[in-house]
Amino acid sequence: MAPCYNRIMTKTRAKSGGGPTVWVLNGPNLNLLGSREPEIYGRATLADIEAACAVRAKDLGLALVFRQTNHEGELVTWIQEAKGQAQGLVLNAGAFTHTSVALLDALNFARLPTIEVHLSQPLNREPFRHVSYVTPASSGLISGLGPHGYELALLALARMINKS
């Protein structure tokens, strides 16, 4: 089974002494990307997405923290911790998107610019996936663009952070 991810990508710090920090947080089963339902999620692995995010973050002058968990409470804790350590979040909460009021509460507490990302287009899938508890606390939503959605989310956050 693929490992859960909990890496801090310090290599992506901007040369200017470290740019703003963005956390990319991934929820349940995303550690199985590449082998789980590739007809829906594609063949890219989470490690592939992490590598692409590291390159994009460096290009944008961002420091990057990239994590994945299968546990709702751990994801909630990371969002809470991000409040004091990050300037923005990219969040693919996976199935927790559709079930977790706890994530919504944590995002409302953190009050960080947040881009919700989905590899697939939830509105083209089962009706229970049409509801997102993440969206009300998000600054934006990118769905259906596969792994490229993560890079677009970093670009959007960089622009939002630089405006503030």
N, C-alpha and C. Protein backbone atom coordinates (compact mmCIF):
# COMPACT_ATOMS: atom_id res chain seq x y z
N MET A 1 0.84 -1.18 0.00
CA MET A 1 0.00 0.00 0.00
C MET A 1 0.88 1.24 0.00
N ALA A 2 0.42 2.27 -0.67
CA ALA A 2 1.18 3.53 -0.74
C ALA A 2 1.20 4.21 0.63
N PRO A 3 2.31 4.84 0.96
CA PRO A 3 2.42 5.49 2.27
C PRO A 3 1.61 6.77 2.34
N CYS A 4 1.28 7.18 3.55
CA CYS A 4 0.73 8.52 3.74
C CYS A 4 1.90 9.50 3.63
N TYR A 5 1.61 10.70 3.24
CA TYR A 5 2.65 11.70 3.03
C TYR A 5 2.63 12.71 4.16
N ASN A 6 3.78 13.06 4.65
CA ASN A 6 3.91 14.11 5.65
C ASN A 6 5.31 14.69 5.51
N ARG A 7 5.52 15.36 4.40
CA ARG A 7 6.83 15.91 4.11
C ARG A 7 6.75 17.42 4.07
N ILE A 8 7.80 18.04 4.51
CA ILE A 8 7.91 19.49 4.39
C ILE A 8 8.94 19.75 3.30
N MET A 9 8.51 20.40 2.26
CA MET A 9 9.36 20.61 1.09
C MET A 9 10.19 21.86 1.26
N THR A 10 11.25 21.80 2.04
CA THR A 10 12.08 22.98 2.29
C THR A 10 12.87 23.38 1.06
N LYS A 11 13.07 22.46 0.11
CA LYS A 11 13.83 22.78 -1.10
C LYS A 11 13.13 23.85 -1.94
N THR A 12 11.84 24.06 -1.73
CA THR A 12 11.11 24.99 -2.57
C THR A 12 11.14 26.42 -2.03
N ARG A 13 11.86 26.66 -0.95
CA ARG A 13 11.94 28.03 -0.42
C ARG A 13 12.53 28.97 -1.46
N ALA A 14 11.96 30.13 -1.55
CA ALA A 14 12.47 31.13 -2.50
C ALA A 14 13.88 31.54 -2.10
N LYS A 15 14.67 31.90 -3.08
CA LYS A 15 16.06 32.28 -2.82
C LYS A 15 16.15 33.53 -1.96
N SER A 16 15.10 34.32 -1.90
CA SER A 16 15.13 35.57 -1.16
C SER A 16 15.00 35.36 0.34
N GLY A 17 15.33 34.19 0.84
CA GLY A 17 15.26 33.94 2.27
C GLY A 17 13.98 33.26 2.67
N GLY A 18 13.17 32.85 1.71
CA GLY A 18 11.94 32.14 2.02
C GLY A 18 10.73 32.99 1.73
N GLY A 19 9.95 32.55 0.79
CA GLY A 19 8.72 33.26 0.45
C GLY A 19 7.59 32.83 1.33
N PRO A 20 6.39 33.28 1.01
CA PRO A 20 5.21 32.84 1.76
C PRO A 20 5.07 31.32 1.71
N THR A 21 4.53 30.76 2.76
CA THR A 21 4.37 29.32 2.85
C THR A 21 2.93 28.92 2.53
N VAL A 22 2.81 27.94 1.66
CA VAL A 22 1.52 27.36 1.31
C VAL A 22 1.54 25.89 1.69
N TRP A 23 0.50 25.45 2.36
CA TRP A 23 0.36 24.05 2.71
C TRP A 23 -0.60 23.40 1.72
N VAL A 24 -0.20 22.27 1.17
CA VAL A 24 -1.05 21.45 0.32
C VAL A 24 -1.43 20.23 1.14
N LEU A 25 -2.71 20.14 1.47
CA LEU A 25 -3.21 19.08 2.34
C LEU A 25 -4.14 18.16 1.56
N ASN A 26 -3.91 16.87 1.71
CA ASN A 26 -4.65 15.86 0.97
C ASN A 26 -5.29 14.88 1.93
N GLY A 27 -6.53 14.51 1.62
CA GLY A 27 -7.30 13.63 2.48
C GLY A 27 -7.23 12.17 2.09
N PRO A 28 -8.24 11.41 2.52
CA PRO A 28 -8.21 9.95 2.43
C PRO A 28 -8.13 9.41 1.01
N ASN A 29 -7.37 8.34 0.91
CA ASN A 29 -7.21 7.55 -0.30
C ASN A 29 -6.39 8.22 -1.40
N LEU A 30 -5.98 9.46 -1.19
CA LEU A 30 -5.17 10.11 -2.21
C LEU A 30 -3.77 9.51 -2.27
N ASN A 31 -3.36 8.80 -1.25
CA ASN A 31 -2.10 8.07 -1.28
C ASN A 31 -2.15 6.91 -2.29
N LEU A 32 -3.35 6.57 -2.75
CA LEU A 32 -3.52 5.47 -3.71
C LEU A 32 -3.60 5.95 -5.15
N LEU A 33 -3.41 7.25 -5.38
CA LEU A 33 -3.48 7.77 -6.74
C LEU A 33 -2.51 7.02 -7.64
N GLY A 34 -2.92 6.84 -8.87
CA GLY A 34 -2.13 6.09 -9.83
C GLY A 34 -2.61 4.67 -9.97
N SER A 35 -3.17 4.13 -8.89
CA SER A 35 -3.67 2.75 -8.95
C SER A 35 -5.15 2.65 -8.60
N ARG A 36 -5.70 3.63 -7.90
CA ARG A 36 -7.11 3.61 -7.52
C ARG A 36 -7.95 4.32 -8.58
N GLU A 37 -8.85 3.58 -9.21
CA GLU A 37 -9.77 4.13 -10.20
C GLU A 37 -9.09 5.10 -11.17
N PRO A 38 -8.09 4.61 -11.92
CA PRO A 38 -7.38 5.52 -12.83
C PRO A 38 -8.28 6.10 -13.92
N GLU A 39 -9.39 5.44 -14.21
CA GLU A 39 -10.32 5.99 -15.21
C GLU A 39 -10.99 7.27 -14.70
N ILE A 40 -11.00 7.48 -13.39
CA ILE A 40 -11.56 8.69 -12.79
C ILE A 40 -10.46 9.67 -12.41
N TYR A 41 -9.42 9.16 -11.74
CA TYR A 41 -8.40 10.03 -11.15
C TYR A 41 -7.11 10.12 -11.96
N GLY A 42 -6.97 9.29 -12.99
CA GLY A 42 -5.77 9.31 -13.81
C GLY A 42 -4.67 8.41 -13.26
N ARG A 43 -3.54 8.44 -13.90
CA ARG A 43 -2.41 7.57 -13.55
C ARG A 43 -1.35 8.27 -12.72
N ALA A 44 -1.44 9.57 -12.58
CA ALA A 44 -0.44 10.30 -11.78
C ALA A 44 -0.54 9.87 -10.32
N THR A 45 0.60 9.70 -9.69
CA THR A 45 0.62 9.37 -8.26
C THR A 45 0.66 10.65 -7.44
N LEU A 46 0.45 10.50 -6.15
CA LEU A 46 0.56 11.67 -5.28
C LEU A 46 1.98 12.20 -5.28
N ALA A 47 2.96 11.32 -5.40
CA ALA A 47 4.36 11.76 -5.50
C ALA A 47 4.58 12.59 -6.77
N ASP A 48 3.93 12.22 -7.87
CA ASP A 48 4.01 13.01 -9.10
C ASP A 48 3.43 14.40 -8.89
N ILE A 49 2.29 14.45 -8.22
CA ILE A 49 1.64 15.74 -7.95
C ILE A 49 2.51 16.59 -7.03
N GLU A 50 3.08 15.96 -6.02
CA GLU A 50 3.97 16.67 -5.10
C GLU A 50 5.16 17.26 -5.85
N ALA A 51 5.76 16.48 -6.74
CA ALA A 51 6.91 16.97 -7.50
C ALA A 51 6.53 18.16 -8.38
N ALA A 52 5.38 18.08 -9.04
CA ALA A 52 4.92 19.19 -9.88
C ALA A 52 4.64 20.43 -9.02
N CYS A 53 4.07 20.23 -7.85
CA CYS A 53 3.80 21.35 -6.94
C CYS A 53 5.10 21.98 -6.46
N ALA A 54 6.11 21.17 -6.20
CA ALA A 54 7.40 21.70 -5.74
C ALA A 54 8.01 22.61 -6.80
N VAL A 55 7.95 22.18 -8.06
CA VAL A 55 8.48 22.99 -9.15
C VAL A 55 7.70 24.29 -9.28
N ARG A 56 6.36 24.17 -9.27
CA ARG A 56 5.52 25.37 -9.42
C ARG A 56 5.71 26.32 -8.26
N ALA A 57 5.79 25.80 -7.04
CA ALA A 57 5.98 26.65 -5.86
C ALA A 57 7.30 27.41 -5.96
N LYS A 58 8.34 26.73 -6.37
CA LYS A 58 9.64 27.39 -6.51
C LYS A 58 9.55 28.51 -7.53
N ASP A 59 8.91 28.23 -8.67
CA ASP A 59 8.74 29.25 -9.71
C ASP A 59 7.97 30.46 -9.20
N LEU A 60 7.04 30.23 -8.27
CA LEU A 60 6.20 31.30 -7.73
C LEU A 60 6.80 31.96 -6.48
N GLY A 61 7.96 31.47 -6.03
CA GLY A 61 8.58 32.03 -4.83
C GLY A 61 7.89 31.63 -3.55
N LEU A 62 7.28 30.45 -3.56
CA LEU A 62 6.56 29.96 -2.38
C LEU A 62 7.33 28.84 -1.70
N ALA A 63 7.23 28.79 -0.39
CA ALA A 63 7.66 27.61 0.35
C ALA A 63 6.46 26.67 0.40
N LEU A 64 6.72 25.37 0.39
CA LEU A 64 5.64 24.40 0.26
C LEU A 64 5.73 23.33 1.34
N VAL A 65 4.59 23.06 1.95
CA VAL A 65 4.43 21.91 2.84
C VAL A 65 3.38 21.03 2.17
N PHE A 66 3.69 19.76 1.95
CA PHE A 66 2.81 18.85 1.22
C PHE A 66 2.54 17.64 2.10
N ARG A 67 1.27 17.39 2.41
CA ARG A 67 0.91 16.31 3.34
C ARG A 67 -0.32 15.56 2.86
N GLN A 68 -0.43 14.31 3.32
CA GLN A 68 -1.60 13.48 3.05
C GLN A 68 -1.88 12.63 4.29
N THR A 69 -3.18 12.47 4.58
CA THR A 69 -3.60 11.61 5.68
C THR A 69 -4.91 10.93 5.33
N ASN A 70 -5.11 9.79 5.93
CA ASN A 70 -6.39 9.09 5.81
C ASN A 70 -7.28 9.34 7.01
N HIS A 71 -6.86 10.22 7.91
CA HIS A 71 -7.55 10.42 9.18
C HIS A 71 -8.10 11.85 9.28
N GLU A 72 -9.39 11.94 9.48
CA GLU A 72 -10.06 13.24 9.54
C GLU A 72 -9.49 14.14 10.63
N GLY A 73 -9.27 13.60 11.82
CA GLY A 73 -8.77 14.42 12.92
C GLY A 73 -7.39 14.98 12.64
N GLU A 74 -6.55 14.22 11.96
CA GLU A 74 -5.22 14.71 11.62
C GLU A 74 -5.32 15.87 10.62
N LEU A 75 -6.22 15.75 9.66
CA LEU A 75 -6.42 16.82 8.70
C LEU A 75 -6.93 18.08 9.39
N VAL A 76 -7.85 17.92 10.33
CA VAL A 76 -8.35 19.06 11.12
C VAL A 76 -7.19 19.72 11.89
N THR A 77 -6.36 18.90 12.52
CA THR A 77 -5.22 19.44 13.28
C THR A 77 -4.28 20.21 12.37
N TRP A 78 -3.98 19.68 11.20
CA TRP A 78 -3.10 20.39 10.27
C TRP A 78 -3.68 21.73 9.85
N ILE A 79 -4.97 21.78 9.60
CA ILE A 79 -5.59 23.06 9.23
C ILE A 79 -5.48 24.05 10.39
N GLN A 80 -5.71 23.58 11.59
CA GLN A 80 -5.57 24.46 12.77
C GLN A 80 -4.14 24.96 12.89
N GLU A 81 -3.16 24.08 12.72
CA GLU A 81 -1.74 24.46 12.83
C GLU A 81 -1.34 25.43 11.73
N ALA A 82 -1.95 25.30 10.56
CA ALA A 82 -1.61 26.16 9.44
C ALA A 82 -1.89 27.63 9.75
N LYS A 83 -2.85 27.89 10.62
CA LYS A 83 -3.21 29.28 10.95
C LYS A 83 -1.99 30.10 11.34
N GLY A 84 -1.08 29.54 12.08
CA GLY A 84 0.09 30.29 12.52
C GLY A 84 1.33 30.08 11.68
N GLN A 85 1.26 29.18 10.68
CA GLN A 85 2.47 28.82 9.95
C GLN A 85 2.40 28.99 8.44
N ALA A 86 1.22 29.14 7.91
CA ALA A 86 1.04 29.22 6.45
C ALA A 86 0.31 30.51 6.09
N GLN A 87 0.52 30.92 4.85
CA GLN A 87 -0.21 32.08 4.33
C GLN A 87 -1.35 31.65 3.42
N GLY A 88 -1.44 30.35 3.13
CA GLY A 88 -2.52 29.85 2.30
C GLY A 88 -2.56 28.34 2.29
N LEU A 89 -3.70 27.80 1.87
CA LEU A 89 -3.91 26.35 1.82
C LEU A 89 -4.44 25.93 0.45
N VAL A 90 -3.95 24.79 -0.01
CA VAL A 90 -4.58 24.04 -1.09
C VAL A 90 -5.13 22.80 -0.41
N LEU A 91 -6.40 22.53 -0.56
CA LEU A 91 -7.02 21.42 0.15
C LEU A 91 -7.79 20.52 -0.80
N ASN A 92 -7.34 19.26 -0.89
CA ASN A 92 -8.12 18.21 -1.52
C ASN A 92 -8.50 17.28 -0.38
N ALA A 93 -9.67 17.48 0.16
CA ALA A 93 -10.10 16.72 1.34
C ALA A 93 -10.66 15.35 0.97
N GLY A 94 -10.65 15.00 -0.31
CA GLY A 94 -11.17 13.70 -0.72
C GLY A 94 -12.61 13.54 -0.25
N ALA A 95 -12.95 12.35 0.19
CA ALA A 95 -14.31 12.05 0.62
C ALA A 95 -14.76 12.89 1.82
N PHE A 96 -13.80 13.38 2.62
CA PHE A 96 -14.19 14.24 3.76
C PHE A 96 -14.86 15.53 3.29
N THR A 97 -14.63 15.92 2.05
CA THR A 97 -15.27 17.10 1.48
C THR A 97 -16.78 17.04 1.68
N HIS A 98 -17.34 15.85 1.52
CA HIS A 98 -18.78 15.68 1.46
C HIS A 98 -19.40 15.30 2.80
N THR A 99 -18.57 15.19 3.84
CA THR A 99 -19.08 14.68 5.11
C THR A 99 -18.65 15.45 6.34
N SER A 100 -17.62 16.30 6.24
CA SER A 100 -16.96 16.78 7.45
C SER A 100 -17.27 18.23 7.82
N VAL A 101 -18.17 18.37 8.77
CA VAL A 101 -18.40 19.68 9.37
C VAL A 101 -17.17 20.10 10.16
N ALA A 102 -16.42 19.13 10.69
CA ALA A 102 -15.20 19.44 11.43
C ALA A 102 -14.18 20.16 10.55
N LEU A 103 -14.06 19.77 9.30
CA LEU A 103 -13.16 20.48 8.38
C LEU A 103 -13.64 21.91 8.15
N LEU A 104 -14.93 22.07 7.95
CA LEU A 104 -15.49 23.41 7.78
C LEU A 104 -15.18 24.27 8.99
N ASP A 105 -15.38 23.74 10.18
CA ASP A 105 -15.10 24.50 11.40
C ASP A 105 -13.62 24.87 11.50
N ALA A 106 -12.73 23.93 11.15
CA ALA A 106 -11.29 24.21 11.20
C ALA A 106 -10.91 25.28 10.19
N LEU A 107 -11.47 25.20 8.99
CA LEU A 107 -11.18 26.22 7.98
C LEU A 107 -11.70 27.59 8.40
N ASN A 108 -12.88 27.62 9.00
CA ASN A 108 -13.41 28.90 9.50
C ASN A 108 -12.55 29.47 10.62
N PHE A 109 -11.95 28.59 11.43
CA PHE A 109 -11.03 29.03 12.47
C PHE A 109 -9.75 29.59 11.85
N ALA A 110 -9.19 28.87 10.90
CA ALA A 110 -7.90 29.25 10.31
C ALA A 110 -8.00 30.55 9.51
N ARG A 111 -9.11 30.75 8.83
CA ARG A 111 -9.35 31.97 8.05
C ARG A 111 -8.18 32.31 7.13
N LEU A 112 -7.68 31.28 6.44
CA LEU A 112 -6.61 31.45 5.46
C LEU A 112 -7.18 31.40 4.05
N PRO A 113 -6.53 32.10 3.12
CA PRO A 113 -6.93 31.88 1.73
C PRO A 113 -6.80 30.39 1.41
N THR A 114 -7.86 29.80 0.92
CA THR A 114 -7.90 28.36 0.69
C THR A 114 -8.49 28.08 -0.68
N ILE A 115 -7.78 27.24 -1.44
CA ILE A 115 -8.31 26.78 -2.72
C ILE A 115 -8.65 25.31 -2.57
N GLU A 116 -9.91 24.97 -2.77
CA GLU A 116 -10.38 23.59 -2.74
C GLU A 116 -10.09 22.97 -4.10
N VAL A 117 -9.49 21.78 -4.10
CA VAL A 117 -9.11 21.11 -5.34
C VAL A 117 -9.70 19.71 -5.37
N HIS A 118 -10.20 19.33 -6.55
CA HIS A 118 -10.64 17.96 -6.81
C HIS A 118 -10.11 17.55 -8.16
N LEU A 119 -9.53 16.37 -8.23
CA LEU A 119 -9.00 15.86 -9.50
C LEU A 119 -10.11 15.62 -10.50
N SER A 120 -11.21 15.04 -10.04
CA SER A 120 -12.36 14.78 -10.89
C SER A 120 -13.36 15.93 -10.72
N GLN A 121 -14.44 15.86 -11.46
CA GLN A 121 -15.50 16.86 -11.35
C GLN A 121 -16.64 16.25 -10.53
N PRO A 122 -16.73 16.61 -9.24
CA PRO A 122 -17.75 15.99 -8.37
C PRO A 122 -19.18 16.13 -8.90
N LEU A 123 -19.46 17.20 -9.60
CA LEU A 123 -20.83 17.40 -10.10
C LEU A 123 -21.19 16.44 -11.22
N ASN A 124 -20.21 15.77 -11.79
CA ASN A 124 -20.46 14.76 -12.81
C ASN A 124 -20.50 13.35 -12.23
N ARG A 125 -20.51 13.27 -10.92
CA ARG A 125 -20.44 11.96 -10.26
C ARG A 125 -21.68 11.73 -9.40
N GLU A 126 -21.62 10.83 -8.45
CA GLU A 126 -22.78 10.48 -7.63
C GLU A 126 -23.33 11.72 -6.90
N PRO A 127 -24.64 11.75 -6.68
CA PRO A 127 -25.26 12.92 -6.05
C PRO A 127 -24.67 13.29 -4.68
N PHE A 128 -24.24 12.30 -3.89
CA PHE A 128 -23.69 12.64 -2.57
C PHE A 128 -22.40 13.46 -2.70
N ARG A 129 -21.72 13.40 -3.84
CA ARG A 129 -20.50 14.16 -4.05
C ARG A 129 -20.78 15.61 -4.48
N HIS A 130 -22.03 15.94 -4.67
CA HIS A 130 -22.38 17.30 -5.10
C HIS A 130 -22.35 18.28 -3.94
N VAL A 131 -22.30 17.80 -2.73
CA VAL A 131 -22.28 18.65 -1.53
C VAL A 131 -20.84 18.76 -1.03
N SER A 132 -20.42 20.00 -0.77
CA SER A 132 -19.09 20.23 -0.21
C SER A 132 -19.20 21.05 1.06
N TYR A 133 -18.65 20.52 2.15
CA TYR A 133 -18.57 21.28 3.39
C TYR A 133 -17.33 22.17 3.40
N VAL A 134 -16.46 22.01 2.42
CA VAL A 134 -15.23 22.80 2.32
C VAL A 134 -15.49 24.12 1.59
N THR A 135 -16.32 24.08 0.56
CA THR A 135 -16.54 25.24 -0.29
C THR A 135 -16.94 26.51 0.47
N PRO A 136 -17.83 26.45 1.47
CA PRO A 136 -18.21 27.71 2.13
C PRO A 136 -17.05 28.45 2.82
N ALA A 137 -15.99 27.74 3.12
CA ALA A 137 -14.84 28.38 3.78
C ALA A 137 -13.66 28.56 2.83
N SER A 138 -13.88 28.30 1.54
CA SER A 138 -12.81 28.38 0.55
C SER A 138 -12.89 29.68 -0.23
N SER A 139 -11.72 30.14 -0.69
CA SER A 139 -11.63 31.31 -1.54
C SER A 139 -11.94 30.96 -2.99
N GLY A 140 -11.69 29.71 -3.36
CA GLY A 140 -11.92 29.28 -4.73
C GLY A 140 -11.99 27.77 -4.80
N LEU A 141 -12.42 27.28 -5.96
CA LEU A 141 -12.61 25.86 -6.19
C LEU A 141 -12.11 25.51 -7.59
N ILE A 142 -11.25 24.48 -7.67
CA ILE A 142 -10.77 23.98 -8.95
C ILE A 142 -11.10 22.50 -8.99
N SER A 143 -11.87 22.09 -9.99
CA SER A 143 -12.24 20.67 -10.06
C SER A 143 -12.26 20.21 -11.51
N GLY A 144 -11.97 18.91 -11.68
CA GLY A 144 -12.08 18.30 -12.98
C GLY A 144 -10.88 18.48 -13.89
N LEU A 145 -9.81 19.11 -13.40
CA LEU A 145 -8.65 19.37 -14.25
C LEU A 145 -7.49 18.43 -13.94
N GLY A 146 -7.76 17.38 -13.17
CA GLY A 146 -6.71 16.43 -12.85
C GLY A 146 -5.60 17.07 -12.02
N PRO A 147 -4.41 16.51 -12.09
CA PRO A 147 -3.29 17.02 -11.27
C PRO A 147 -2.95 18.49 -11.54
N HIS A 148 -3.23 18.96 -12.76
CA HIS A 148 -2.93 20.35 -13.09
C HIS A 148 -3.69 21.33 -12.18
N GLY A 149 -4.81 20.88 -11.62
CA GLY A 149 -5.57 21.73 -10.71
C GLY A 149 -4.76 22.18 -9.51
N TYR A 150 -3.85 21.34 -9.03
CA TYR A 150 -3.00 21.72 -7.90
C TYR A 150 -2.09 22.89 -8.27
N GLU A 151 -1.50 22.84 -9.46
CA GLU A 151 -0.62 23.91 -9.90
C GLU A 151 -1.40 25.21 -10.08
N LEU A 152 -2.60 25.12 -10.63
CA LEU A 152 -3.44 26.30 -10.78
C LEU A 152 -3.81 26.88 -9.42
N ALA A 153 -4.04 26.01 -8.45
CA ALA A 153 -4.35 26.47 -7.09
C ALA A 153 -3.17 27.23 -6.50
N LEU A 154 -1.96 26.74 -6.70
CA LEU A 154 -0.77 27.46 -6.20
C LEU A 154 -0.64 28.82 -6.86
N LEU A 155 -0.88 28.88 -8.16
CA LEU A 155 -0.84 30.16 -8.86
C LEU A 155 -1.87 31.13 -8.29
N ALA A 156 -3.08 30.65 -8.09
CA ALA A 156 -4.13 31.51 -7.53
C ALA A 156 -3.75 32.00 -6.14
N LEU A 157 -3.24 31.11 -5.31
CA LEU A 157 -2.85 31.52 -3.95
C LEU A 157 -1.70 32.53 -3.98
N ALA A 158 -0.72 32.32 -4.85
CA ALA A 158 0.39 33.26 -4.94
C ALA A 158 -0.13 34.65 -5.27
N ARG A 159 -1.07 34.73 -6.20
CA ARG A 159 -1.64 36.04 -6.54
C ARG A 159 -2.43 36.64 -5.38
N MET A 160 -3.19 35.79 -4.68
CA MET A 160 -3.98 36.28 -3.54
C MET A 160 -3.06 36.76 -2.42
N ILE A 161 -2.02 36.01 -2.13
CA ILE A 161 -1.10 36.36 -1.05
C ILE A 161 -0.35 37.63 -1.38
N ASN A 162 0.08 37.78 -2.63
CA ASN A 162 0.83 38.96 -3.04
C ASN A 162 -0.03 40.22 -3.05
N LYS A 163 -1.34 40.06 -3.20
CA LYS A 163 -2.26 41.22 -3.15
C LYS A 163 -2.43 41.76 -1.74
N SER A 164 -2.33 40.85 -0.75
CA SER A 164 -2.62 41.27 0.62
C SER A 164 -1.44 41.95 1.29
